[in-house]
N, C-alpha and C. Protein backbone atom coordinates (compact mmCIF):
# COMPACT_ATOMS: atom_id res chain seq x y z
N UNK A 1 -71.38 -34.70 13.62
CA UNK A 1 -72.54 -34.10 14.24
C UNK A 1 -72.08 -33.05 15.25
N UNK A 2 -72.89 -32.01 15.39
CA UNK A 2 -72.57 -30.90 16.28
C UNK A 2 -73.78 -30.57 17.16
N UNK A 3 -73.50 -30.11 18.37
CA UNK A 3 -74.54 -29.70 19.31
C UNK A 3 -74.29 -28.23 19.67
N UNK A 4 -75.36 -27.42 19.64
CA UNK A 4 -75.27 -26.00 19.97
C UNK A 4 -75.23 -25.80 21.48
N UNK A 5 -74.34 -24.90 21.94
CA UNK A 5 -74.23 -24.57 23.35
C UNK A 5 -74.15 -23.06 23.52
N UNK A 6 -74.80 -22.55 24.58
CA UNK A 6 -74.68 -21.12 24.90
C UNK A 6 -74.53 -20.97 26.42
N UNK A 7 -73.84 -19.91 26.81
CA UNK A 7 -73.71 -19.55 28.22
C UNK A 7 -74.21 -18.12 28.37
N UNK A 8 -75.15 -17.94 29.31
CA UNK A 8 -75.74 -16.63 29.59
C UNK A 8 -75.34 -16.23 31.01
N UNK A 9 -75.03 -14.95 31.19
CA UNK A 9 -74.66 -14.45 32.51
C UNK A 9 -75.48 -13.21 32.87
N UNK A 10 -75.66 -13.03 34.17
CA UNK A 10 -76.40 -11.88 34.67
C UNK A 10 -75.62 -11.22 35.79
N UNK A 11 -75.37 -9.93 35.66
CA UNK A 11 -74.72 -9.19 36.74
C UNK A 11 -75.71 -8.91 37.86
N UNK A 12 -77.00 -8.88 37.54
CA UNK A 12 -78.03 -8.66 38.56
C UNK A 12 -78.07 -9.84 39.54
N UNK A 13 -78.06 -11.06 39.00
CA UNK A 13 -78.14 -12.25 39.83
C UNK A 13 -76.77 -12.80 40.22
N UNK A 14 -75.72 -12.31 39.57
CA UNK A 14 -74.37 -12.77 39.87
C UNK A 14 -74.13 -14.23 39.54
N UNK A 15 -74.73 -14.69 38.45
CA UNK A 15 -74.55 -16.08 38.07
C UNK A 15 -74.62 -16.25 36.55
N UNK A 16 -74.14 -17.41 36.11
CA UNK A 16 -74.21 -17.77 34.70
C UNK A 16 -74.98 -19.08 34.57
N UNK A 17 -75.60 -19.25 33.40
CA UNK A 17 -76.38 -20.44 33.11
C UNK A 17 -75.96 -20.95 31.74
N UNK A 18 -75.73 -22.25 31.64
CA UNK A 18 -75.36 -22.85 30.37
C UNK A 18 -76.48 -23.70 29.81
N UNK A 19 -76.63 -23.67 28.50
CA UNK A 19 -77.64 -24.47 27.81
C UNK A 19 -76.97 -25.27 26.70
N UNK A 20 -77.40 -26.51 26.55
CA UNK A 20 -76.95 -27.35 25.45
C UNK A 20 -78.19 -27.92 24.79
N UNK A 21 -78.29 -27.75 23.48
CA UNK A 21 -79.46 -28.20 22.73
C UNK A 21 -79.31 -29.69 22.41
N UNK A 22 -79.79 -30.53 23.30
CA UNK A 22 -79.67 -31.98 23.12
C UNK A 22 -80.74 -32.56 22.22
N UNK A 23 -81.76 -31.79 21.91
CA UNK A 23 -82.85 -32.29 21.07
C UNK A 23 -82.51 -32.27 19.59
N UNK A 24 -81.62 -31.37 19.21
CA UNK A 24 -81.29 -31.22 17.79
C UNK A 24 -79.78 -31.31 17.61
N UNK A 25 -79.34 -32.38 16.96
CA UNK A 25 -77.93 -32.52 16.60
C UNK A 25 -77.81 -32.15 15.12
N UNK A 26 -76.92 -31.24 14.82
CA UNK A 26 -76.76 -30.75 13.46
C UNK A 26 -75.67 -31.54 12.73
N UNK A 27 -75.92 -31.81 11.48
CA UNK A 27 -74.97 -32.59 10.68
C UNK A 27 -73.70 -31.82 10.36
N UNK A 28 -73.79 -30.50 10.27
CA UNK A 28 -72.61 -29.72 9.92
C UNK A 28 -72.50 -28.48 10.79
N UNK A 29 -71.35 -27.84 10.72
CA UNK A 29 -71.07 -26.67 11.55
C UNK A 29 -71.97 -25.49 11.21
N UNK A 30 -72.29 -25.30 9.94
CA UNK A 30 -73.16 -24.19 9.53
C UNK A 30 -74.55 -24.33 10.15
N UNK A 31 -75.10 -25.53 10.11
CA UNK A 31 -76.41 -25.77 10.71
C UNK A 31 -76.39 -25.53 12.21
N UNK A 32 -75.31 -25.91 12.85
CA UNK A 32 -75.18 -25.71 14.29
C UNK A 32 -75.09 -24.21 14.61
N UNK A 33 -74.34 -23.47 13.83
CA UNK A 33 -74.22 -22.03 14.07
C UNK A 33 -75.56 -21.33 13.91
N UNK A 34 -76.37 -21.78 12.96
CA UNK A 34 -77.72 -21.22 12.81
C UNK A 34 -78.58 -21.54 14.02
N UNK A 35 -78.43 -22.76 14.55
CA UNK A 35 -79.19 -23.16 15.73
C UNK A 35 -78.77 -22.33 16.95
N UNK A 36 -77.48 -22.03 17.06
CA UNK A 36 -76.98 -21.17 18.15
C UNK A 36 -77.66 -19.80 18.07
N UNK A 37 -77.75 -19.25 16.87
CA UNK A 37 -78.40 -17.94 16.70
C UNK A 37 -79.85 -17.99 17.17
N UNK A 38 -80.56 -19.05 16.85
CA UNK A 38 -81.96 -19.18 17.28
C UNK A 38 -82.05 -19.30 18.81
N UNK A 39 -81.15 -20.06 19.41
CA UNK A 39 -81.14 -20.19 20.86
C UNK A 39 -80.89 -18.85 21.54
N UNK A 40 -79.97 -18.07 20.99
CA UNK A 40 -79.66 -16.75 21.55
C UNK A 40 -80.88 -15.84 21.44
N UNK A 41 -81.55 -15.85 20.31
CA UNK A 41 -82.76 -15.03 20.13
C UNK A 41 -83.84 -15.42 21.13
N UNK A 42 -84.07 -16.71 21.29
CA UNK A 42 -85.09 -17.19 22.23
C UNK A 42 -84.72 -16.83 23.67
N UNK A 43 -83.46 -17.00 24.02
CA UNK A 43 -83.02 -16.69 25.38
C UNK A 43 -83.13 -15.19 25.66
N UNK A 44 -82.82 -14.36 24.68
CA UNK A 44 -82.91 -12.91 24.87
C UNK A 44 -84.34 -12.47 25.13
N UNK A 45 -85.30 -13.15 24.51
CA UNK A 45 -86.71 -12.83 24.72
C UNK A 45 -87.21 -13.32 26.08
N UNK A 46 -86.85 -14.54 26.44
CA UNK A 46 -87.39 -15.12 27.66
C UNK A 46 -86.61 -14.76 28.92
N UNK A 47 -85.34 -14.38 28.77
CA UNK A 47 -84.52 -14.01 29.92
C UNK A 47 -83.73 -12.74 29.62
N UNK A 48 -84.40 -11.59 29.52
CA UNK A 48 -83.73 -10.35 29.11
C UNK A 48 -82.68 -9.86 30.11
N UNK A 49 -82.73 -10.31 31.35
CA UNK A 49 -81.76 -9.87 32.35
C UNK A 49 -80.39 -10.56 32.17
N UNK A 50 -80.33 -11.58 31.30
CA UNK A 50 -79.09 -12.29 31.02
C UNK A 50 -78.51 -11.83 29.68
N UNK A 51 -77.19 -11.85 29.58
CA UNK A 51 -76.52 -11.53 28.33
C UNK A 51 -75.71 -12.76 27.89
N UNK A 52 -75.49 -12.86 26.60
CA UNK A 52 -74.74 -13.99 26.06
C UNK A 52 -73.26 -13.80 26.37
N UNK A 53 -72.69 -14.75 27.10
CA UNK A 53 -71.28 -14.68 27.44
C UNK A 53 -70.43 -15.53 26.49
N UNK A 54 -71.02 -16.61 25.97
CA UNK A 54 -70.24 -17.50 25.11
C UNK A 54 -71.18 -18.39 24.31
N UNK A 55 -70.79 -18.68 23.08
CA UNK A 55 -71.52 -19.65 22.25
C UNK A 55 -70.50 -20.57 21.60
N UNK A 56 -70.94 -21.77 21.30
CA UNK A 56 -70.06 -22.69 20.57
C UNK A 56 -70.86 -23.85 20.01
N UNK A 57 -70.26 -24.51 19.06
CA UNK A 57 -70.80 -25.75 18.51
C UNK A 57 -69.83 -26.86 18.89
N UNK A 58 -70.31 -27.80 19.67
CA UNK A 58 -69.47 -28.89 20.15
C UNK A 58 -69.62 -30.09 19.23
N UNK A 59 -68.49 -30.59 18.76
CA UNK A 59 -68.53 -31.78 17.91
C UNK A 59 -68.74 -33.00 18.79
N UNK A 60 -69.67 -33.86 18.37
CA UNK A 60 -69.96 -35.07 19.10
C UNK A 60 -69.07 -36.18 18.54
N UNK A 61 -68.13 -36.66 19.34
CA UNK A 61 -67.22 -37.70 18.84
C UNK A 61 -67.93 -39.03 18.61
N UNK A 62 -67.51 -39.71 17.58
CA UNK A 62 -68.04 -41.04 17.32
C UNK A 62 -69.31 -41.10 16.49
N UNK A 63 -69.90 -39.97 16.17
CA UNK A 63 -71.11 -39.97 15.35
C UNK A 63 -70.77 -39.45 13.95
N UNK A 64 -71.21 -40.16 12.97
CA UNK A 64 -70.98 -39.74 11.58
C UNK A 64 -72.34 -39.47 10.92
N UNK A 65 -72.33 -38.51 10.03
CA UNK A 65 -73.57 -38.16 9.32
C UNK A 65 -73.60 -38.84 7.98
């Protein structure tokens, strides 16, 4: 299982914000990467002053699909 994570940063505010999608755990890496893309699109619309600094799919240890 994988969880989507993104980090957004703003030079205007001088800070970064991290998000982890805990509501949706993806069974495979491809599904997680698609979820990351959706999170980035949503964040770009709702927080245009922030830019994407980093994305990743974190594997959740101990969970099998």
